[in-house]
Structure formats: structure tokens, C-alpha cells
Amino acid sequence: MKTSTDTTANVNLFGIDLRKPTWNEFTAVTVLAVGLWVLVVGLAFRLGAGLNAFDAGALLLVIEWGCVAARAGVRPDRGARHVVANVAVSALLVGVYSLSWQLLA
């Protein structure tokens, strides 16, 4: 229920109601995402499948989105709509990243 002091708008992504994470939540999931990224990049190098700079950056974007999305209410364990939203936003992020990589290279 909205009150007169509630200034947040309801935001939907593929019919999923999103919530705005607090600054502390956002900071915590960002630290989590960087830790997961370091783990995956370290494992990739340890297993001999080293990543180039582009792949490592794209991986960081996707991991960060996954962590932030979970706090915002987009969780793949809640059905197909959530999975589609995660895949669509991840693809969009990697597409924009790839475009900017090509423009700056």
C-alpha cells in the first residue's frame, strides 16, 4: 500500500515487481560479486583456461547483475519469467559492453 510519503515508483521487468536495494545491500552484493569473479578467474587460470581482458570484464558484468538482480527481486528459482529476465538483461549488458569495447579499441 502506498502512502503519501512513499515516493518510490513500482518498476516492473517482464512483469516482475522490482524493489530498490538499499545502499548497504548494493555494497554488500558488489563485494560478493567481485569475490565470486576473483574466484572464477582464479579457477580459470588454475585450470589452464585463462581469460582475456574482454572475457573477464564481461564475466564481471554478468556476475554483478546476477547479485544485484537477486536483491532487486529477480530470482531464477522463481520461474521462467525470472530466468528470461536474467538472460535478457545479461545479454543486453554484454552487448553494450561489447559495443563499447569495439568503439574504444
N, C-alpha and C. Protein backbone atom coordinates (compact mmCIF):
# COMPACT_ATOMS: atom_id res chain seq x y z
N MET A 1 0.84 -1.17 0.00
CA MET A 1 0.00 0.00 0.00
C MET A 1 0.89 1.24 0.00
N LYS A 2 0.60 2.15 -0.89
CA LYS A 2 1.38 3.38 -0.97
C LYS A 2 0.83 4.42 -0.01
N THR A 3 1.75 5.10 0.63
CA THR A 3 1.36 6.21 1.48
C THR A 3 1.72 7.50 0.80
N SER A 4 1.30 8.60 1.36
CA SER A 4 1.58 9.89 0.74
C SER A 4 3.07 10.24 0.81
N THR A 5 3.81 9.62 1.73
CA THR A 5 5.25 9.90 1.84
C THR A 5 6.08 8.93 1.02
N ASP A 6 5.45 7.91 0.43
CA ASP A 6 6.18 6.92 -0.37
C ASP A 6 6.41 7.50 -1.76
N THR A 7 7.67 7.74 -2.10
CA THR A 7 7.99 8.35 -3.39
C THR A 7 8.55 7.35 -4.39
N THR A 8 8.65 6.07 -4.01
CA THR A 8 9.19 5.09 -4.93
C THR A 8 8.10 4.64 -5.89
N ALA A 9 8.47 4.50 -7.14
CA ALA A 9 7.52 4.04 -8.15
C ALA A 9 7.68 2.53 -8.30
N ASN A 10 6.58 1.87 -8.63
CA ASN A 10 6.65 0.45 -8.89
C ASN A 10 7.28 0.24 -10.26
N VAL A 11 8.37 -0.50 -10.27
CA VAL A 11 9.07 -0.78 -11.51
C VAL A 11 8.90 -2.26 -11.81
N ASN A 12 8.54 -2.56 -13.05
CA ASN A 12 8.36 -3.94 -13.47
C ASN A 12 9.36 -4.28 -14.56
N LEU A 13 9.84 -5.51 -14.53
CA LEU A 13 10.70 -6.04 -15.57
C LEU A 13 10.11 -7.39 -15.96
N PHE A 14 9.54 -7.48 -17.16
CA PHE A 14 8.86 -8.68 -17.62
C PHE A 14 7.77 -9.12 -16.64
N GLY A 15 7.08 -8.15 -16.05
CA GLY A 15 6.01 -8.44 -15.11
C GLY A 15 6.47 -8.77 -13.71
N ILE A 16 7.75 -8.60 -13.42
CA ILE A 16 8.29 -8.87 -12.10
C ILE A 16 8.41 -7.55 -11.36
N ASP A 17 7.80 -7.47 -10.19
CA ASP A 17 7.92 -6.26 -9.37
C ASP A 17 9.32 -6.18 -8.80
N LEU A 18 10.00 -5.09 -9.08
CA LEU A 18 11.36 -4.89 -8.59
C LEU A 18 11.35 -4.01 -7.36
N ARG A 19 12.32 -4.22 -6.50
CA ARG A 19 12.50 -3.36 -5.35
C ARG A 19 13.87 -2.71 -5.46
N LYS A 20 14.00 -1.54 -4.88
CA LYS A 20 15.26 -0.81 -4.93
C LYS A 20 16.11 -1.23 -3.73
N PRO A 21 17.26 -1.88 -3.99
CA PRO A 21 18.12 -2.26 -2.87
C PRO A 21 18.68 -1.03 -2.16
N THR A 22 18.88 -1.15 -0.87
CA THR A 22 19.49 -0.06 -0.12
C THR A 22 20.96 0.05 -0.50
N TRP A 23 21.57 1.14 -0.10
CA TRP A 23 22.99 1.34 -0.40
C TRP A 23 23.83 0.23 0.23
N ASN A 24 23.52 -0.15 1.46
CA ASN A 24 24.27 -1.21 2.13
C ASN A 24 24.10 -2.55 1.43
N GLU A 25 22.90 -2.85 0.96
CA GLU A 25 22.68 -4.09 0.21
C GLU A 25 23.46 -4.07 -1.09
N PHE A 26 23.41 -2.94 -1.78
CA PHE A 26 24.14 -2.83 -3.05
C PHE A 26 25.64 -2.99 -2.84
N THR A 27 26.16 -2.38 -1.79
CA THR A 27 27.59 -2.51 -1.49
C THR A 27 27.94 -3.96 -1.16
N ALA A 28 27.10 -4.61 -0.37
CA ALA A 28 27.36 -6.00 0.01
C ALA A 28 27.35 -6.93 -1.20
N VAL A 29 26.38 -6.77 -2.10
CA VAL A 29 26.34 -7.66 -3.26
C VAL A 29 27.46 -7.34 -4.25
N THR A 30 27.91 -6.10 -4.29
CA THR A 30 29.04 -5.76 -5.14
C THR A 30 30.32 -6.42 -4.63
N VAL A 31 30.52 -6.41 -3.32
CA VAL A 31 31.67 -7.10 -2.74
C VAL A 31 31.56 -8.60 -3.01
N LEU A 32 30.37 -9.15 -2.87
CA LEU A 32 30.15 -10.56 -3.17
C LEU A 32 30.46 -10.86 -4.63
N ALA A 33 30.00 -10.02 -5.54
CA ALA A 33 30.22 -10.23 -6.97
C ALA A 33 31.71 -10.19 -7.31
N VAL A 34 32.44 -9.25 -6.74
CA VAL A 34 33.88 -9.16 -7.02
C VAL A 34 34.59 -10.39 -6.45
N GLY A 35 34.18 -10.84 -5.28
CA GLY A 35 34.77 -12.05 -4.72
C GLY A 35 34.51 -13.27 -5.58
N LEU A 36 33.29 -13.42 -6.07
CA LEU A 36 32.96 -14.52 -6.97
C LEU A 36 33.75 -14.43 -8.26
N TRP A 37 33.89 -13.22 -8.77
CA TRP A 37 34.64 -13.01 -10.01
C TRP A 37 36.11 -13.40 -9.83
N VAL A 38 36.71 -12.98 -8.73
CA VAL A 38 38.10 -13.34 -8.46
C VAL A 38 38.23 -14.86 -8.37
N LEU A 39 37.27 -15.51 -7.72
CA LEU A 39 37.29 -16.97 -7.60
C LEU A 39 37.23 -17.64 -8.97
N VAL A 40 36.30 -17.20 -9.82
CA VAL A 40 36.14 -17.81 -11.14
C VAL A 40 37.36 -17.55 -12.02
N VAL A 41 37.87 -16.32 -12.01
CA VAL A 41 39.05 -16.01 -12.82
C VAL A 41 40.25 -16.81 -12.31
N GLY A 42 40.40 -16.91 -11.01
CA GLY A 42 41.49 -17.71 -10.45
C GLY A 42 41.38 -19.18 -10.82
N LEU A 43 40.17 -19.72 -10.75
CA LEU A 43 39.97 -21.12 -11.15
C LEU A 43 40.25 -21.31 -12.63
N ALA A 44 39.83 -20.36 -13.45
CA ALA A 44 40.08 -20.47 -14.89
C ALA A 44 41.57 -20.50 -15.18
N PHE A 45 42.33 -19.64 -14.53
CA PHE A 45 43.78 -19.65 -14.74
C PHE A 45 44.41 -20.92 -14.18
N ARG A 46 43.93 -21.37 -13.04
CA ARG A 46 44.48 -22.59 -12.43
C ARG A 46 44.23 -23.81 -13.30
N LEU A 47 43.07 -23.84 -13.97
CA LEU A 47 42.72 -24.97 -14.83
C LEU A 47 43.26 -24.82 -16.25
N GLY A 48 44.00 -23.75 -16.50
CA GLY A 48 44.63 -23.57 -17.80
C GLY A 48 43.74 -22.95 -18.85
N ALA A 49 42.61 -22.42 -18.48
CA ALA A 49 41.69 -21.78 -19.43
C ALA A 49 41.64 -20.29 -19.13
N GLY A 50 42.79 -19.65 -19.15
CA GLY A 50 42.87 -18.23 -18.81
C GLY A 50 41.94 -17.38 -19.66
N LEU A 51 41.43 -16.33 -19.07
CA LEU A 51 40.51 -15.43 -19.75
C LEU A 51 41.27 -14.21 -20.25
N ASN A 52 40.86 -13.70 -21.42
CA ASN A 52 41.43 -12.43 -21.86
C ASN A 52 40.69 -11.30 -21.17
N ALA A 53 41.12 -10.08 -21.38
CA ALA A 53 40.55 -8.93 -20.67
C ALA A 53 39.07 -8.74 -20.99
N PHE A 54 38.68 -8.93 -22.24
CA PHE A 54 37.28 -8.76 -22.62
C PHE A 54 36.40 -9.78 -21.92
N ASP A 55 36.80 -11.04 -21.94
CA ASP A 55 36.00 -12.09 -21.30
C ASP A 55 35.89 -11.88 -19.80
N ALA A 56 36.98 -11.46 -19.17
CA ALA A 56 36.95 -11.22 -17.73
C ALA A 56 36.01 -10.06 -17.39
N GLY A 57 36.01 -9.02 -18.20
CA GLY A 57 35.11 -7.89 -17.97
C GLY A 57 33.65 -8.26 -18.17
N ALA A 58 33.38 -9.04 -19.21
CA ALA A 58 32.00 -9.49 -19.46
C ALA A 58 31.53 -10.40 -18.33
N LEU A 59 32.41 -11.25 -17.84
CA LEU A 59 32.07 -12.11 -16.72
C LEU A 59 31.74 -11.31 -15.47
N LEU A 60 32.51 -10.27 -15.21
CA LEU A 60 32.24 -9.41 -14.06
C LEU A 60 30.87 -8.74 -14.18
N LEU A 61 30.53 -8.26 -15.36
CA LEU A 61 29.22 -7.64 -15.56
C LEU A 61 28.08 -8.61 -15.28
N VAL A 62 28.20 -9.82 -15.79
CA VAL A 62 27.13 -10.81 -15.63
C VAL A 62 27.01 -11.24 -14.16
N ILE A 63 28.14 -11.43 -13.50
CA ILE A 63 28.09 -11.81 -12.08
C ILE A 63 27.51 -10.67 -11.26
N GLU A 64 27.91 -9.44 -11.54
CA GLU A 64 27.37 -8.28 -10.80
C GLU A 64 25.86 -8.18 -11.00
N TRP A 65 25.40 -8.33 -12.24
CA TRP A 65 23.97 -8.27 -12.49
C TRP A 65 23.24 -9.37 -11.72
N GLY A 66 23.78 -10.57 -11.72
CA GLY A 66 23.14 -11.67 -11.01
C GLY A 66 22.98 -11.38 -9.53
N CYS A 67 24.01 -10.81 -8.93
CA CYS A 67 23.95 -10.50 -7.50
C CYS A 67 22.99 -9.35 -7.21
N VAL A 68 23.04 -8.30 -8.02
CA VAL A 68 22.13 -7.16 -7.82
C VAL A 68 20.69 -7.58 -8.12
N ALA A 69 20.50 -8.38 -9.14
CA ALA A 69 19.15 -8.81 -9.51
C ALA A 69 18.49 -9.60 -8.39
N ALA A 70 19.27 -10.43 -7.71
CA ALA A 70 18.70 -11.21 -6.61
C ALA A 70 18.18 -10.29 -5.51
N ARG A 71 18.90 -9.20 -5.23
CA ARG A 71 18.44 -8.25 -4.21
C ARG A 71 17.26 -7.42 -4.70
N ALA A 72 17.18 -7.24 -6.02
CA ALA A 72 16.08 -6.45 -6.58
C ALA A 72 14.81 -7.26 -6.76
N GLY A 73 14.90 -8.58 -6.64
CA GLY A 73 13.72 -9.41 -6.74
C GLY A 73 13.64 -10.28 -7.97
N VAL A 74 14.68 -10.30 -8.79
CA VAL A 74 14.72 -11.16 -9.97
C VAL A 74 15.53 -12.39 -9.59
N ARG A 75 14.83 -13.49 -9.31
CA ARG A 75 15.50 -14.69 -8.83
C ARG A 75 15.11 -15.87 -9.71
N PRO A 76 16.08 -16.51 -10.35
CA PRO A 76 15.78 -17.62 -11.28
C PRO A 76 15.04 -18.80 -10.65
N ASP A 77 15.11 -18.95 -9.34
CA ASP A 77 14.39 -20.05 -8.70
C ASP A 77 12.89 -19.78 -8.60
N ARG A 78 12.45 -18.63 -9.07
CA ARG A 78 11.03 -18.28 -9.00
C ARG A 78 10.30 -18.44 -10.33
N GLY A 79 10.89 -19.13 -11.28
CA GLY A 79 10.17 -19.45 -12.50
C GLY A 79 10.82 -18.93 -13.77
N ALA A 80 10.18 -19.28 -14.87
CA ALA A 80 10.71 -18.99 -16.19
C ALA A 80 10.82 -17.49 -16.47
N ARG A 81 9.87 -16.71 -15.99
CA ARG A 81 9.90 -15.27 -16.23
C ARG A 81 11.15 -14.64 -15.63
N HIS A 82 11.56 -15.10 -14.48
CA HIS A 82 12.76 -14.59 -13.83
C HIS A 82 14.02 -15.01 -14.59
N VAL A 83 14.02 -16.24 -15.10
CA VAL A 83 15.16 -16.71 -15.90
C VAL A 83 15.29 -15.89 -17.17
N VAL A 84 14.16 -15.65 -17.85
CA VAL A 84 14.18 -14.84 -19.08
C VAL A 84 14.66 -13.43 -18.78
N ALA A 85 14.21 -12.86 -17.69
CA ALA A 85 14.66 -11.50 -17.32
C ALA A 85 16.16 -11.47 -17.08
N ASN A 86 16.68 -12.46 -16.36
CA ASN A 86 18.12 -12.52 -16.10
C ASN A 86 18.92 -12.67 -17.39
N VAL A 87 18.49 -13.57 -18.26
CA VAL A 87 19.21 -13.79 -19.52
C VAL A 87 19.13 -12.55 -20.41
N ALA A 88 17.95 -11.93 -20.48
CA ALA A 88 17.78 -10.75 -21.34
C ALA A 88 18.65 -9.58 -20.87
N VAL A 89 18.65 -9.31 -19.57
CA VAL A 89 19.46 -8.20 -19.06
C VAL A 89 20.95 -8.52 -19.19
N SER A 90 21.33 -9.76 -18.93
CA SER A 90 22.74 -10.15 -19.10
C SER A 90 23.18 -9.98 -20.55
N ALA A 91 22.34 -10.40 -21.48
CA ALA A 91 22.67 -10.25 -22.89
C ALA A 91 22.77 -8.78 -23.28
N LEU A 92 21.87 -7.96 -22.76
CA LEU A 92 21.92 -6.53 -23.03
C LEU A 92 23.21 -5.91 -22.48
N LEU A 93 23.56 -6.26 -21.26
CA LEU A 93 24.79 -5.73 -20.66
C LEU A 93 26.03 -6.14 -21.45
N VAL A 94 26.10 -7.41 -21.83
CA VAL A 94 27.26 -7.88 -22.58
C VAL A 94 27.28 -7.25 -23.98
N GLY A 95 26.10 -7.03 -24.58
CA GLY A 95 26.04 -6.38 -25.87
C GLY A 95 26.54 -4.94 -25.83
N VAL A 96 26.11 -4.20 -24.82
CA VAL A 96 26.57 -2.81 -24.67
C VAL A 96 28.06 -2.80 -24.35
N TYR A 97 28.50 -3.72 -23.51
CA TYR A 97 29.92 -3.82 -23.18
C TYR A 97 30.74 -4.13 -24.42
N SER A 98 30.28 -5.06 -25.23
CA SER A 98 30.99 -5.41 -26.46
C SER A 98 31.05 -4.23 -27.43
N LEU A 99 29.94 -3.52 -27.55
CA LEU A 99 29.92 -2.34 -28.43
C LEU A 99 30.91 -1.28 -27.95
N SER A 100 30.91 -1.02 -26.65
CA SER A 100 31.83 -0.01 -26.12
C SER A 100 33.28 -0.48 -26.24
N TRP A 101 33.51 -1.77 -26.09
CA TRP A 101 34.86 -2.32 -26.23
C TRP A 101 35.37 -2.09 -27.66
N GLN A 102 34.50 -2.31 -28.65
CA GLN A 102 34.88 -2.12 -30.05
C GLN A 102 35.10 -0.66 -30.38
N LEU A 103 34.30 0.22 -29.79
CA LEU A 103 34.46 1.65 -30.06
C LEU A 103 35.73 2.21 -29.45
N LEU A 104 36.14 1.68 -28.31
CA LEU A 104 37.31 2.20 -27.61
C LEU A 104 38.60 1.51 -28.01
N ALA A 105 38.49 0.39 -28.70
CA ALA A 105 39.71 -0.36 -29.07
C ALA A 105 40.32 0.13 -30.36
